[in-house]
Amino acid sequence: MLLSEAIERLVIATQADGLSPNTTDGYRRKLKPLLDFLGDVPVEEITTDDLRRYVAYIRGRRVTLLTHYALSLSPSPQRAKRDSFAGHNKRAREGLQASLQLSGGRRGH
């Protein structure tokens, strides 16, 4: 029996057991990446090593995707540094303006 056939048989069995369509569709969605990774091979030929390689692939891919996502959210080091200086310079200008207003516009006392 091919892997795709085994997955379909699992889906049919879960439907017959009365599980919700969301659950049965979830099994199909969750097993599709395994099918894509291994190919539509006979189930009898799938080894423990094949499944270990698949798990390692998924874990590595998850880390890569999470890292990519995190990097897309955080600013680049150059941008973070520039924004920090820009914020510091703005606060310094505001502080200088406030002190000039308090001293009547004179720089020296």
Protein backbone atom coordinates (compact mmCIF):
# COMPACT_ATOMS: atom_id res chain seq x y z
CA MET A 1 0.00 0.00 0.00
CA LEU A 2 1.32 3.45 -0.92
CA LEU A 3 1.67 6.19 1.68
CA SER A 4 -1.05 8.29 0.02
CA GLU A 5 -3.43 5.33 0.17
CA ALA A 6 -2.61 4.72 3.84
CA ILE A 7 -3.33 8.37 4.64
CA GLU A 8 -6.69 8.20 2.84
CA ARG A 9 -7.57 4.99 4.69
CA LEU A 10 -6.76 6.71 7.98
CA VAL A 11 -8.99 9.66 7.07
CA ILE A 12 -11.85 7.32 6.10
CA ALA A 13 -11.43 5.33 9.32
CA THR A 14 -11.55 8.48 11.44
CA GLN A 15 -14.65 9.65 9.59
CA ALA A 16 -16.26 6.26 10.21
CA ASP A 17 -15.36 6.57 13.90
CA GLY A 18 -17.39 9.78 13.98
CA LEU A 19 -14.57 12.27 14.36
CA SER A 20 -15.30 15.79 13.16
CA PRO A 21 -14.46 16.87 9.61
CA ASN A 22 -11.95 19.34 11.08
CA THR A 23 -10.11 16.49 12.79
CA THR A 24 -10.07 14.26 9.73
CA ASP A 25 -8.94 17.12 7.50
CA GLY A 26 -6.31 17.93 10.12
CA TYR A 27 -4.85 14.44 9.80
CA ARG A 28 -4.63 14.87 6.05
CA ARG A 29 -2.97 18.31 6.37
CA LYS A 30 -0.51 17.11 9.01
CA LEU A 31 0.54 14.07 6.98
CA LYS A 32 0.90 15.86 3.62
CA PRO A 33 4.40 17.20 4.44
CA LEU A 34 5.47 13.63 5.29
CA LEU A 35 4.14 12.48 1.92
CA ASP A 36 5.95 15.35 0.19
CA PHE A 37 9.19 14.53 2.02
CA LEU A 38 9.20 10.75 1.49
CA GLY A 39 7.31 10.59 -1.76
CA ASP A 40 4.46 8.22 -2.45
CA VAL A 41 6.41 5.14 -1.40
CA PRO A 42 5.06 1.81 -0.21
CA VAL A 43 4.41 2.03 3.54
CA GLU A 44 6.28 -1.22 4.07
CA GLU A 45 9.48 0.45 2.83
CA ILE A 46 9.36 3.37 5.27
CA THR A 47 12.03 2.88 7.92
CA THR A 48 12.65 4.37 11.33
CA ASP A 49 15.60 6.21 9.79
CA ASP A 50 13.26 7.75 7.19
CA LEU A 51 11.02 9.05 9.96
CA ARG A 52 14.00 10.34 11.95
CA ARG A 53 15.26 12.23 8.89
CA TYR A 54 11.77 13.69 8.44
CA VAL A 55 11.58 14.81 12.08
CA ALA A 56 15.05 16.37 11.84
CA TYR A 57 14.02 18.14 8.62
CA ILE A 58 10.83 19.51 10.21
CA ARG A 59 12.66 20.66 13.34
CA GLY A 60 15.37 22.33 11.28
CA ARG A 61 12.81 23.96 9.05
CA ARG A 62 10.81 25.20 12.04
CA VAL A 63 13.92 26.79 13.54
CA THR A 64 14.77 28.37 10.19
CA LEU A 65 11.23 29.73 9.77
CA LEU A 66 11.10 31.04 13.34
CA THR A 67 14.52 32.65 12.98
CA HIS A 68 13.49 34.25 9.69
CA TYR A 69 10.25 35.51 11.29
CA ALA A 70 12.07 36.89 14.33
CA LEU A 71 14.64 38.64 12.14
CA SER A 72 11.88 40.19 10.07
CA LEU A 73 10.36 41.66 13.24
CA SER A 74 13.53 43.05 14.77
CA PRO A 75 15.31 46.01 13.24
CA SER A 76 18.77 45.57 11.79
CA PRO A 77 21.60 46.44 14.17
CA GLN A 78 22.42 49.51 12.05
CA ARG A 79 18.79 50.65 12.11
CA ALA A 80 18.46 50.05 15.85
CA LYS A 81 21.63 52.08 16.46
CA ARG A 82 20.48 54.89 14.15
CA ASP A 83 17.03 54.99 15.79
CA SER A 84 18.61 55.05 19.23
CA PHE A 85 20.82 58.01 18.30
CA ALA A 86 17.89 59.76 16.63
CA GLY A 87 15.83 59.38 19.81
CA HIS A 88 18.73 60.59 21.94
CA ASN A 89 19.32 63.60 19.68
CA LYS A 90 15.61 64.49 19.71
CA ARG A 91 15.51 64.36 23.52
CA ALA A 92 18.69 66.48 23.70
CA ARG A 93 17.19 69.10 21.37
CA GLU A 94 13.95 69.17 23.37
CA GLY A 95 15.92 69.55 26.61
CA LEU A 96 17.99 72.39 25.14
CA GLN A 97 14.87 74.17 23.88
CA ALA A 98 13.20 73.82 27.27
CA SER A 99 16.24 75.21 29.09
CA LEU A 100 16.49 78.11 26.62
CA GLN A 101 12.84 78.94 27.23
CA LEU A 102 13.38 78.90 31.00
CA SER A 103 16.42 81.17 30.74
CA GLY A 104 14.67 83.62 28.46
CA GLY A 105 16.54 82.52 25.36
CA ARG A 106 20.00 83.19 26.75
CA ARG A 107 22.55 80.43 26.42
CA GLY A 108 24.86 81.51 29.21
CA HIS A 109 23.65 82.52 32.67
